[in-house]
PDB file of N, CA and C in Angstrom:
ATOM      1  N   MET A   1     116.676  96.238 117.577  1.00  0.00           N
ATOM      2  CA  MET A   1     115.379  97.109 117.673  1.00  0.00           C
ATOM      3  C   MET A   1     114.763  96.668 119.040  1.00  0.00           C
ATOM      4  N   PRO A   2     114.170  97.806 119.460  1.00  0.00           N
ATOM      5  CA  PRO A   2     113.342  97.759 120.729  1.00  0.00           C
ATOM      6  C   PRO A   2     112.282  96.802 120.691  1.00  0.00           C
ATOM      7  N   LYS A   3     111.852  96.053 121.745  1.00  0.00           N
ATOM      8  CA  LYS A   3     110.847  95.114 121.459  1.00  0.00           C
ATOM      9  C   LYS A   3     109.402  95.775 121.340  1.00  0.00           C
ATOM     10  N   GLY A   4     109.323  97.216 121.708  1.00  0.00           N
ATOM     11  CA  GLY A   4     108.019  97.748 121.441  1.00  0.00           C
ATOM     12  C   GLY A   4     107.811  97.930 120.005  1.00  0.00           C
ATOM     13  N   VAL A   5     109.118  98.413 119.127  1.00  0.00           N
ATOM     14  CA  VAL A   5     109.127  98.694 117.665  1.00  0.00           C
ATOM     15  C   VAL A   5     108.832  97.473 116.999  1.00  0.00           C
ATOM     16  N   VAL A   6     109.404  96.306 117.326  1.00  0.00           N
ATOM     17  CA  VAL A   6     109.266  95.008 116.711  1.00  0.00           C
ATOM     18  C   VAL A   6     107.728  94.546 117.042  1.00  0.00           C
ATOM     19  N   TYR A   7     107.181  94.584 118.312  1.00  0.00           N
ATOM     20  CA  TYR A   7     105.758  94.242 118.365  1.00  0.00           C
ATOM     21  C   TYR A   7     104.795  95.100 117.473  1.00  0.00           C
ATOM     22  N   ARG A   8     105.132  96.637 117.512  1.00  0.00           N
ATOM     23  CA  ARG A   8     104.082  97.216 116.844  1.00  0.00           C
ATOM     24  C   ARG A   8     104.485  97.117 115.189  1.00  0.00           C
ATOM     25  N   SER A   9     105.510  96.907 114.699  1.00  0.00           N
ATOM     26  CA  SER A   9     105.593  96.484 113.142  1.00  0.00           C
ATOM     27  C   SER A   9     104.899  95.106 113.020  1.00  0.00           C
ATOM     28  N   PHE A  10     105.054  94.146 113.725  1.00  0.00           N
ATOM     29  CA  PHE A  10     104.399  92.918 113.651  1.00  0.00           C
ATOM     30  C   PHE A  10     102.807  92.919 113.712  1.00  0.00           C
ATOM     31  N   ILE A  11     102.178  93.717 114.369  1.00  0.00           N
ATOM     32  CA  ILE A  11     100.878  93.988 114.573  1.00  0.00           C
ATOM     33  C   ILE A  11     100.335  94.722 113.292  1.00  0.00           C
ATOM     34  N   MET A  12     101.299  95.612 112.988  1.00  0.00           N
ATOM     35  CA  MET A  12     100.639  96.379 111.804  1.00  0.00           C
ATOM     36  C   MET A  12     100.780  95.510 110.427  1.00  0.00           C
ATOM     37  N   ASN A  13     101.491  94.745 110.323  1.00  0.00           N
ATOM     38  CA  ASN A  13     101.946  93.753 109.046  1.00  0.00           C
ATOM     39  C   ASN A  13     100.810  92.668 109.171  1.00  0.00           C
ATOM     40  N   HIS A  14     100.526  92.356 110.373  1.00  0.00           N
ATOM     41  CA  HIS A  14      99.560  91.354 110.459  1.00  0.00           C
ATOM     42  C   HIS A  14      98.087  91.952 110.140  1.00  0.00           C
ATOM     43  N   LEU A  15      97.831  93.076 110.670  1.00  0.00           N
ATOM     44  CA  LEU A  15      96.543  93.784 110.158  1.00  0.00           C
ATOM     45  C   LEU A  15      96.274  93.929 108.566  1.00  0.00           C
ATOM     46  N   VAL A  16      97.381  94.439 108.160  1.00  0.00           N
ATOM     47  CA  VAL A  16      97.465  94.695 106.734  1.00  0.00           C
ATOM     48  C   VAL A  16      97.313  93.070 106.067  1.00  0.00           C
ATOM     49  N   HIS A  17      97.709  92.336 106.504  1.00  0.00           N
ATOM     50  CA  HIS A  17      97.509  90.766 105.899  1.00  0.00           C
ATOM     51  C   HIS A  17      96.116  90.445 105.894  1.00  0.00           C
ATOM     52  N   HIS A  18      95.522  90.768 107.078  1.00  0.00           N
ATOM     53  CA  HIS A  18      93.891  90.335 106.936  1.00  0.00           C
ATOM     54  C   HIS A  18      93.055  91.217 106.289  1.00  0.00           C
ATOM     55  N   ARG A  19      93.614  92.525 106.038  1.00  0.00           N
ATOM     56  CA  ARG A  19      92.771  93.274 105.513  1.00  0.00           C
ATOM     57  C   ARG A  19      92.779  93.022 103.928  1.00  0.00           C
ATOM     58  N   ALA A  20      93.889  92.402 103.371  1.00  0.00           N
ATOM     59  CA  ALA A  20      94.103  91.913 102.012  1.00  0.00           C
ATOM     60  C   ALA A  20      93.272  90.552 101.958  1.00  0.00           C
ATOM     61  N   GLN A  21      93.336  89.753 103.004  1.00  0.00           N
ATOM     62  CA  GLN A  21      92.621  88.585 102.798  1.00  0.00           C
ATOM     63  C   GLN A  21      90.930  88.992 102.711  1.00  0.00           C
ATOM     64  N   LEU A  22      90.396  89.906 103.342  1.00  0.00           N
ATOM     65  CA  LEU A  22      89.217  90.393 103.298  1.00  0.00           C
ATOM     66  C   LEU A  22      88.726  90.779 102.136  1.00  0.00           C
ATOM     67  N   GLY A  23      89.642  91.731 101.258  1.00  0.00           N
ATOM     68  CA  GLY A  23      89.425  92.049  99.936  1.00  0.00           C
ATOM     69  C   GLY A  23      89.410  90.971  99.014  1.00  0.00           C
ATOM     70  N   LEU A  24      90.339  90.111  99.163  1.00  0.00           N
ATOM     71  CA  LEU A  24      90.193  88.767  98.225  1.00  0.00           C
ATOM     72  C   LEU A  24      88.963  88.055  98.502  1.00  0.00           C
ATOM     73  N   TYR A  25      88.687  87.649  99.487  1.00  0.00           N
ATOM     74  CA  TYR A  25      87.119  86.970  99.851  1.00  0.00           C
ATOM     75  C   TYR A  25      86.099  87.680  99.439  1.00  0.00           C
ATOM     76  N   LEU A  26      85.939  89.083  99.507  1.00  0.00           N
ATOM     77  CA  LEU A  26      84.883  89.793  98.831  1.00  0.00           C
ATOM     78  C   LEU A  26      84.869  89.734  97.341  1.00  0.00           C
ATOM     79  N   ARG A  27      86.061  89.763  96.601  1.00  0.00           N
ATOM     80  CA  ARG A  27      86.112  89.465  95.331  1.00  0.00           C
ATOM     81  C   ARG A  27      85.772  88.339  94.750  1.00  0.00           C
ATOM     82  N   ILE A  28      85.950  87.259  95.618  1.00  0.00           N
ATOM     83  CA  ILE A  28      85.494  85.822  95.263  1.00  0.00           C
ATOM     84  C   ILE A  28      84.075  85.828  95.305  1.00  0.00           C
ATOM     85  N   LEU A  29      83.537  86.454  96.213  1.00  0.00           N
ATOM     86  CA  LEU A  29      82.009  86.343  96.265  1.00  0.00           C
ATOM     87  C   LEU A  29      81.126  87.490  95.638  1.00  0.00           C
ATOM     88  N   ASN A  30      82.132  88.236  94.843  1.00  0.00           N
ATOM     89  CA  ASN A  30      81.450  89.291  93.858  1.00  0.00           C
ATOM     90  C   ASN A  30      80.937  90.339  94.452  1.00  0.00           C
ATOM     91  N   ILE A  31      81.240  90.515  95.782  1.00  0.00           N
ATOM     92  CA  ILE A  31      80.861  91.734  96.435  1.00  0.00           C
ATOM     93  C   ILE A  31      81.660  92.933  96.253  1.00  0.00           C
ATOM     94  N   PRO A  32      81.324  94.077  95.708  1.00  0.00           N
ATOM     95  CA  PRO A  32      82.185  95.326  95.779  1.00  0.00           C
ATOM     96  C   PRO A  32      82.885  95.424  96.858  1.00  0.00           C
ATOM     97  N   VAL A  33      84.363  95.624  96.692  1.00  0.00           N
ATOM     98  CA  VAL A  33      85.104  95.905  97.463  1.00  0.00           C
ATOM     99  C   VAL A  33      85.380  97.414  97.762  1.00  0.00           C
ATOM    100  N   PRO A  34      85.149  97.659  99.161  1.00  0.00           N
ATOM    101  CA  PRO A  34      85.220  99.349  99.616  1.00  0.00           C
ATOM    102  C   PRO A  34      86.857  99.625  99.497  1.00  0.00           C
ATOM    103  N   GLY A  35      86.812 100.908  99.374  1.00  0.00           N
ATOM    104  CA  GLY A  35      88.186 101.690  99.233  1.00  0.00           C
ATOM    105  C   GLY A  35      88.773 101.471 100.717  1.00  0.00           C
ATOM    106  N   MET A  36      89.700 100.748 100.535  1.00  0.00           N
ATOM    107  CA  MET A  36      90.616 100.560 102.064  1.00  0.00           C
ATOM    108  C   MET A  36      91.860 101.754 102.388  1.00  0.00           C
ATOM    109  N   TYR A  37      92.327 102.003 101.042  1.00  0.00           N
ATOM    110  CA  TYR A  37      93.579 102.855 101.186  1.00  0.00           C
ATOM    111  C   TYR A  37      93.132 104.029 100.201  1.00  0.00           C
ATOM    112  N   GLY A  38      92.047 104.241  99.901  1.00  0.00           N
ATOM    113  CA  GLY A  38      91.711 105.226  98.777  1.00  0.00           C
ATOM    114  C   GLY A  38      90.754 104.387  97.953  1.00  0.00           C
ATOM    115  N   PRO A  39      90.449 105.018  96.906  1.00  0.00           N
ATOM    116  CA  PRO A  39      89.396 104.383  95.880  1.00  0.00           C
ATOM    117  C   PRO A  39      89.569 103.105  95.540  1.00  0.00           C
ATOM    118  N   SER A  40      88.479 102.238  95.431  1.00  0.00           N
ATOM    119  CA  SER A  40      89.163 100.844  94.722  1.00  0.00           C
ATOM    120  C   SER A  40      88.393 100.994  93.300  1.00  0.00           C
ATOM    121  N   ALA A  41      88.735  99.867  92.596  1.00  0.00           N
ATOM    122  CA  ALA A  41      88.264  99.803  91.247  1.00  0.00           C
ATOM    123  C   ALA A  41      86.848  99.254  91.084  1.00  0.00           C
ATOM    124  N   ASP A  42      86.354  99.060  92.166  1.00  0.00           N
ATOM    125  CA  ASP A  42      84.857  98.690  92.186  1.00  0.00           C
ATOM    126  C   ASP A  42      84.084 100.116  92.513  1.00  0.00           C
ATOM    127  N   GLU A  43      84.721 101.118  92.844  1.00  0.00           N
ATOM    128  CA  GLU A  43      83.893 102.456  93.138  1.00  0.00           C
ATOM    129  C   GLU A  43      84.056 103.115  91.813  1.00  0.00           C
ATOM    130  N   LYS A  44      82.957 103.932  91.826  1.00  0.00           N
ATOM    131  CA  LYS A  44      82.816 105.088  90.711  1.00  0.00           C
ATOM    132  C   LYS A  44      83.375 106.214  91.361  1.00  0.00           C
ATOM    133  N   MET A  45      84.240 107.025  90.215  1.00  0.00           N
ATOM    134  CA  MET A  45      84.556 108.336  90.910  1.00  0.00           C
ATOM    135  C   MET A  45      83.829 109.599  90.722  1.00  0.00           C
TER     136      MET A  45
END
């Protein structure tokens, strides 16, 4: 694969990883998690 594609996929995977960590830490602190990829279980429809 070209370097640019590998680099871009690594960066995207890394950003998704940190977003998931943020959601976990918010839940541990009992802070409602905002919808990141759509509504979360903490949001009312």
